[in-house]
Amino acid sequence: MIKVCHVNDLPEKSAKVIMVHDTPIAVFKTGGKIFAWDNRCPHRGASLGDGYITNTTVQCKFHLWEFDIEKECAVANETIKLKSFPIAIKGQHIFLDIS
């Protein structure tokens, strides 16, 4: 597991992008939950961590594709899935499981 940050370093409706083995991963906090996705939008590869975050979606800022946080897929087409990564909270730190 990789330590990402302290829980307080990730404000509500925000994202932090980290690099793991040449893969950009966006760690989001919204609705009090923390989750992690491959940071590359499946449409054209734009950074999802730079997008607009609500309690239920993340919107790519370049082409406005929206992704459902719970379903981990595009809102308009659920067959377009996002690669997600498990998160663990230990103490007050967020860890990313890349195994």
N, C-alpha and C. Protein backbone atom coordinates (compact mmCIF):
# COMPACT_ATOMS: atom_id res chain seq x y z
N MET A 1 0.84 -1.18 0.00
CA MET A 1 0.00 0.00 0.00
C MET A 1 0.89 1.25 0.00
N ILE A 2 0.40 2.28 -0.66
CA ILE A 2 1.13 3.54 -0.77
C ILE A 2 0.41 4.62 0.02
N LYS A 3 1.14 5.32 0.88
CA LYS A 3 0.56 6.43 1.64
C LYS A 3 0.36 7.61 0.70
N VAL A 4 -0.89 8.10 0.64
CA VAL A 4 -1.24 9.19 -0.26
C VAL A 4 -1.13 10.54 0.44
N CYS A 5 -1.83 10.68 1.58
CA CYS A 5 -1.82 11.93 2.32
C CYS A 5 -2.57 11.76 3.63
N HIS A 6 -2.58 12.79 4.44
CA HIS A 6 -3.38 12.85 5.66
C HIS A 6 -4.81 13.16 5.25
N VAL A 7 -5.77 12.61 5.97
CA VAL A 7 -7.19 12.82 5.65
C VAL A 7 -7.52 14.31 5.55
N ASN A 8 -6.97 15.13 6.44
CA ASN A 8 -7.26 16.57 6.45
C ASN A 8 -6.63 17.30 5.27
N ASP A 9 -5.69 16.67 4.56
CA ASP A 9 -5.06 17.29 3.39
C ASP A 9 -5.91 17.16 2.13
N LEU A 10 -7.03 16.44 2.22
CA LEU A 10 -7.91 16.23 1.08
C LEU A 10 -9.29 16.79 1.44
N PRO A 11 -9.51 18.08 1.15
CA PRO A 11 -10.80 18.70 1.49
C PRO A 11 -11.97 18.07 0.73
N GLU A 12 -13.16 18.30 1.22
CA GLU A 12 -14.38 17.81 0.56
C GLU A 12 -14.46 18.34 -0.86
N LYS A 13 -14.89 17.48 -1.78
CA LYS A 13 -15.04 17.78 -3.21
C LYS A 13 -13.72 18.25 -3.82
N SER A 14 -12.67 17.48 -3.51
CA SER A 14 -11.35 17.79 -4.08
C SER A 14 -10.68 16.50 -4.52
N ALA A 15 -9.56 16.65 -5.20
CA ALA A 15 -8.79 15.50 -5.68
C ALA A 15 -7.30 15.78 -5.53
N LYS A 16 -6.56 14.71 -5.39
CA LYS A 16 -5.10 14.77 -5.36
C LYS A 16 -4.63 13.74 -6.38
N VAL A 17 -3.71 14.14 -7.25
CA VAL A 17 -3.20 13.23 -8.27
C VAL A 17 -1.80 12.78 -7.87
N ILE A 18 -1.60 11.46 -7.91
CA ILE A 18 -0.29 10.89 -7.62
C ILE A 18 0.12 10.00 -8.78
N MET A 19 1.41 9.79 -8.92
CA MET A 19 1.93 8.90 -9.96
C MET A 19 2.37 7.59 -9.31
N VAL A 20 1.91 6.48 -9.87
CA VAL A 20 2.31 5.16 -9.40
C VAL A 20 2.72 4.34 -10.62
N HIS A 21 4.01 4.04 -10.71
CA HIS A 21 4.53 3.25 -11.84
C HIS A 21 4.08 3.82 -13.18
N ASP A 22 4.26 5.09 -13.38
CA ASP A 22 3.89 5.79 -14.62
C ASP A 22 2.39 5.88 -14.87
N THR A 23 1.58 5.59 -13.87
CA THR A 23 0.13 5.71 -14.00
C THR A 23 -0.35 6.84 -13.10
N PRO A 24 -1.01 7.86 -13.67
CA PRO A 24 -1.57 8.90 -12.82
C PRO A 24 -2.87 8.40 -12.18
N ILE A 25 -2.95 8.56 -10.86
CA ILE A 25 -4.13 8.13 -10.12
C ILE A 25 -4.69 9.32 -9.37
N ALA A 26 -6.00 9.55 -9.52
CA ALA A 26 -6.68 10.64 -8.82
C ALA A 26 -7.38 10.06 -7.60
N VAL A 27 -7.09 10.65 -6.45
CA VAL A 27 -7.74 10.27 -5.20
C VAL A 27 -8.72 11.39 -4.87
N PHE A 28 -10.00 11.05 -4.78
CA PHE A 28 -11.07 12.02 -4.59
C PHE A 28 -11.68 11.90 -3.19
N LYS A 29 -12.23 13.02 -2.71
CA LYS A 29 -13.04 13.00 -1.49
C LYS A 29 -14.32 13.76 -1.80
N THR A 30 -15.44 13.08 -1.65
CA THR A 30 -16.74 13.71 -1.84
C THR A 30 -17.79 12.93 -1.08
N GLY A 31 -18.75 13.65 -0.53
CA GLY A 31 -19.78 13.01 0.27
C GLY A 31 -19.21 12.29 1.48
N GLY A 32 -18.05 12.74 1.94
CA GLY A 32 -17.40 12.11 3.09
C GLY A 32 -16.69 10.81 2.75
N LYS A 33 -16.71 10.40 1.48
CA LYS A 33 -16.07 9.16 1.05
C LYS A 33 -14.80 9.47 0.26
N ILE A 34 -13.87 8.54 0.28
CA ILE A 34 -12.63 8.69 -0.47
C ILE A 34 -12.54 7.54 -1.46
N PHE A 35 -12.17 7.85 -2.69
CA PHE A 35 -12.04 6.82 -3.72
C PHE A 35 -10.92 7.19 -4.67
N ALA A 36 -10.47 6.23 -5.46
CA ALA A 36 -9.35 6.46 -6.38
C ALA A 36 -9.64 5.84 -7.74
N TRP A 37 -9.31 6.60 -8.79
CA TRP A 37 -9.48 6.15 -10.17
C TRP A 37 -8.20 6.43 -10.95
N ASP A 38 -8.04 5.70 -12.04
CA ASP A 38 -7.04 6.09 -13.03
C ASP A 38 -7.42 7.52 -13.42
N ASN A 39 -6.47 8.41 -13.39
CA ASN A 39 -6.75 9.84 -13.61
C ASN A 39 -7.07 10.19 -15.06
N ARG A 40 -6.92 9.27 -15.97
CA ARG A 40 -7.11 9.57 -17.39
C ARG A 40 -8.55 9.31 -17.83
N CYS A 41 -9.20 10.35 -18.32
CA CYS A 41 -10.55 10.21 -18.87
C CYS A 41 -10.51 9.22 -20.02
N PRO A 42 -11.43 8.24 -20.05
CA PRO A 42 -11.40 7.26 -21.14
C PRO A 42 -11.75 7.85 -22.50
N HIS A 43 -12.28 9.05 -22.54
CA HIS A 43 -12.64 9.68 -23.80
C HIS A 43 -11.40 10.15 -24.55
N ARG A 44 -10.60 11.04 -23.92
CA ARG A 44 -9.43 11.58 -24.60
C ARG A 44 -8.22 11.72 -23.68
N GLY A 45 -8.27 11.11 -22.48
CA GLY A 45 -7.11 11.08 -21.62
C GLY A 45 -6.90 12.30 -20.73
N ALA A 46 -7.85 13.22 -20.66
CA ALA A 46 -7.71 14.41 -19.82
C ALA A 46 -7.71 14.01 -18.34
N SER A 47 -7.20 14.89 -17.50
CA SER A 47 -7.11 14.64 -16.06
C SER A 47 -8.47 14.74 -15.39
N LEU A 48 -8.94 13.64 -14.80
CA LEU A 48 -10.20 13.67 -14.06
C LEU A 48 -10.03 14.39 -12.73
N GLY A 49 -8.82 14.38 -12.18
CA GLY A 49 -8.55 15.07 -10.93
C GLY A 49 -8.70 16.58 -11.04
N ASP A 50 -8.67 17.10 -12.25
CA ASP A 50 -8.86 18.53 -12.49
C ASP A 50 -10.31 18.87 -12.80
N GLY A 51 -11.18 17.86 -12.78
CA GLY A 51 -12.56 18.06 -13.16
C GLY A 51 -13.43 18.63 -12.06
N TYR A 52 -14.71 18.81 -12.39
CA TYR A 52 -15.70 19.34 -11.47
C TYR A 52 -16.27 18.17 -10.66
N ILE A 53 -16.21 18.26 -9.33
CA ILE A 53 -16.60 17.17 -8.45
C ILE A 53 -17.88 17.55 -7.70
N THR A 54 -18.89 16.67 -7.76
CA THR A 54 -20.11 16.84 -6.97
C THR A 54 -20.20 15.66 -6.00
N ASN A 55 -21.31 15.55 -5.29
CA ASN A 55 -21.48 14.40 -4.39
C ASN A 55 -21.69 13.09 -5.15
N THR A 56 -22.09 13.17 -6.42
CA THR A 56 -22.41 11.95 -7.15
C THR A 56 -21.61 11.75 -8.44
N THR A 57 -20.95 12.80 -8.93
CA THR A 57 -20.24 12.68 -10.21
C THR A 57 -18.91 13.44 -10.20
N VAL A 58 -18.09 13.06 -11.17
CA VAL A 58 -16.89 13.82 -11.53
C VAL A 58 -17.04 14.12 -13.02
N GLN A 59 -16.84 15.39 -13.37
CA GLN A 59 -16.99 15.80 -14.77
C GLN A 59 -15.63 16.18 -15.32
N CYS A 60 -15.26 15.58 -16.45
CA CYS A 60 -14.03 15.93 -17.14
C CYS A 60 -14.13 17.39 -17.61
N LYS A 61 -13.13 18.18 -17.29
CA LYS A 61 -13.24 19.61 -17.60
C LYS A 61 -13.02 19.93 -19.08
N PHE A 62 -12.46 19.01 -19.84
CA PHE A 62 -12.19 19.30 -21.25
C PHE A 62 -13.36 19.00 -22.17
N HIS A 63 -13.99 17.85 -22.03
CA HIS A 63 -15.09 17.51 -22.93
C HIS A 63 -16.39 17.25 -22.20
N LEU A 64 -16.40 17.53 -20.89
CA LEU A 64 -17.60 17.52 -20.05
C LEU A 64 -18.25 16.15 -19.86
N TRP A 65 -17.50 15.08 -20.11
CA TRP A 65 -18.03 13.76 -19.81
C TRP A 65 -18.20 13.65 -18.30
N GLU A 66 -19.31 13.04 -17.86
CA GLU A 66 -19.57 12.85 -16.43
C GLU A 66 -19.44 11.38 -16.07
N PHE A 67 -18.89 11.15 -14.87
CA PHE A 67 -18.69 9.79 -14.38
C PHE A 67 -19.36 9.63 -13.02
N ASP A 68 -20.14 8.56 -12.89
CA ASP A 68 -20.84 8.26 -11.65
C ASP A 68 -19.85 7.71 -10.63
N ILE A 69 -19.81 8.33 -9.46
CA ILE A 69 -18.84 7.95 -8.44
C ILE A 69 -19.10 6.54 -7.92
N GLU A 70 -20.33 6.21 -7.62
CA GLU A 70 -20.65 4.89 -7.06
C GLU A 70 -20.50 3.77 -8.09
N LYS A 71 -20.96 4.01 -9.31
CA LYS A 71 -20.93 2.97 -10.35
C LYS A 71 -19.59 2.89 -11.07
N GLU A 72 -18.76 3.93 -10.93
CA GLU A 72 -17.44 4.00 -11.58
C GLU A 72 -17.53 3.82 -13.09
N CYS A 73 -18.47 4.57 -13.68
CA CYS A 73 -18.67 4.49 -15.12
C CYS A 73 -19.21 5.83 -15.62
N ALA A 74 -19.24 5.97 -16.95
CA ALA A 74 -19.80 7.18 -17.56
C ALA A 74 -21.30 7.24 -17.30
N VAL A 75 -21.80 8.43 -17.01
CA VAL A 75 -23.23 8.61 -16.75
C VAL A 75 -24.04 8.30 -18.00
N ALA A 76 -23.58 8.76 -19.15
CA ALA A 76 -24.32 8.59 -20.40
C ALA A 76 -24.23 7.17 -20.97
N ASN A 77 -23.20 6.41 -20.57
CA ASN A 77 -23.01 5.07 -21.11
C ASN A 77 -22.30 4.22 -20.07
N GLU A 78 -23.06 3.41 -19.34
CA GLU A 78 -22.51 2.63 -18.25
C GLU A 78 -21.53 1.55 -18.68
N THR A 79 -21.40 1.30 -19.97
CA THR A 79 -20.41 0.32 -20.42
C THR A 79 -19.00 0.92 -20.43
N ILE A 80 -18.90 2.24 -20.31
CA ILE A 80 -17.59 2.90 -20.25
C ILE A 80 -17.19 2.96 -18.78
N LYS A 81 -16.35 2.02 -18.38
CA LYS A 81 -15.94 1.87 -16.99
C LYS A 81 -14.62 2.58 -16.72
N LEU A 82 -14.43 2.95 -15.46
CA LEU A 82 -13.18 3.54 -15.00
C LEU A 82 -12.42 2.51 -14.19
N LYS A 83 -11.10 2.55 -14.29
CA LYS A 83 -10.29 1.67 -13.46
C LYS A 83 -10.19 2.30 -12.08
N SER A 84 -10.57 1.55 -11.06
CA SER A 84 -10.53 2.07 -9.70
C SER A 84 -9.50 1.30 -8.87
N PHE A 85 -9.13 1.89 -7.76
CA PHE A 85 -8.15 1.31 -6.85
C PHE A 85 -8.69 1.36 -5.43
N PRO A 86 -8.49 0.29 -4.66
CA PRO A 86 -8.96 0.29 -3.27
C PRO A 86 -8.21 1.31 -2.42
N ILE A 87 -8.93 1.89 -1.48
CA ILE A 87 -8.40 2.88 -0.53
C ILE A 87 -8.56 2.32 0.87
N ALA A 88 -7.60 2.62 1.74
CA ALA A 88 -7.71 2.26 3.15
C ALA A 88 -7.35 3.49 3.98
N ILE A 89 -8.05 3.66 5.09
CA ILE A 89 -7.74 4.73 6.04
C ILE A 89 -7.13 4.06 7.26
N LYS A 90 -5.91 4.46 7.58
CA LYS A 90 -5.24 3.92 8.77
C LYS A 90 -4.83 5.11 9.62
N GLY A 91 -5.44 5.19 10.80
CA GLY A 91 -5.23 6.37 11.63
C GLY A 91 -5.87 7.53 10.92
N GLN A 92 -5.09 8.54 10.60
CA GLN A 92 -5.59 9.69 9.86
C GLN A 92 -4.95 9.79 8.47
N HIS A 93 -4.41 8.68 7.97
CA HIS A 93 -3.75 8.69 6.67
C HIS A 93 -4.51 7.84 5.65
N ILE A 94 -4.47 8.29 4.42
CA ILE A 94 -5.11 7.60 3.30
C ILE A 94 -4.04 6.79 2.59
N PHE A 95 -4.34 5.50 2.35
CA PHE A 95 -3.43 4.61 1.66
C PHE A 95 -4.12 4.08 0.41
N LEU A 96 -3.34 3.87 -0.64
CA LEU A 96 -3.82 3.35 -1.91
C LEU A 96 -3.26 1.96 -2.10
N ASP A 97 -4.16 1.01 -2.41
CA ASP A 97 -3.75 -0.37 -2.66
C ASP A 97 -3.58 -0.57 -4.16
N ILE A 98 -2.37 -0.76 -4.61
CA ILE A 98 -2.12 -0.91 -6.04
C ILE A 98 -1.81 -2.35 -6.44
N SER A 99 -1.99 -3.29 -5.51
CA SER A 99 -1.67 -4.69 -5.82
C SER A 99 -2.67 -5.34 -6.74
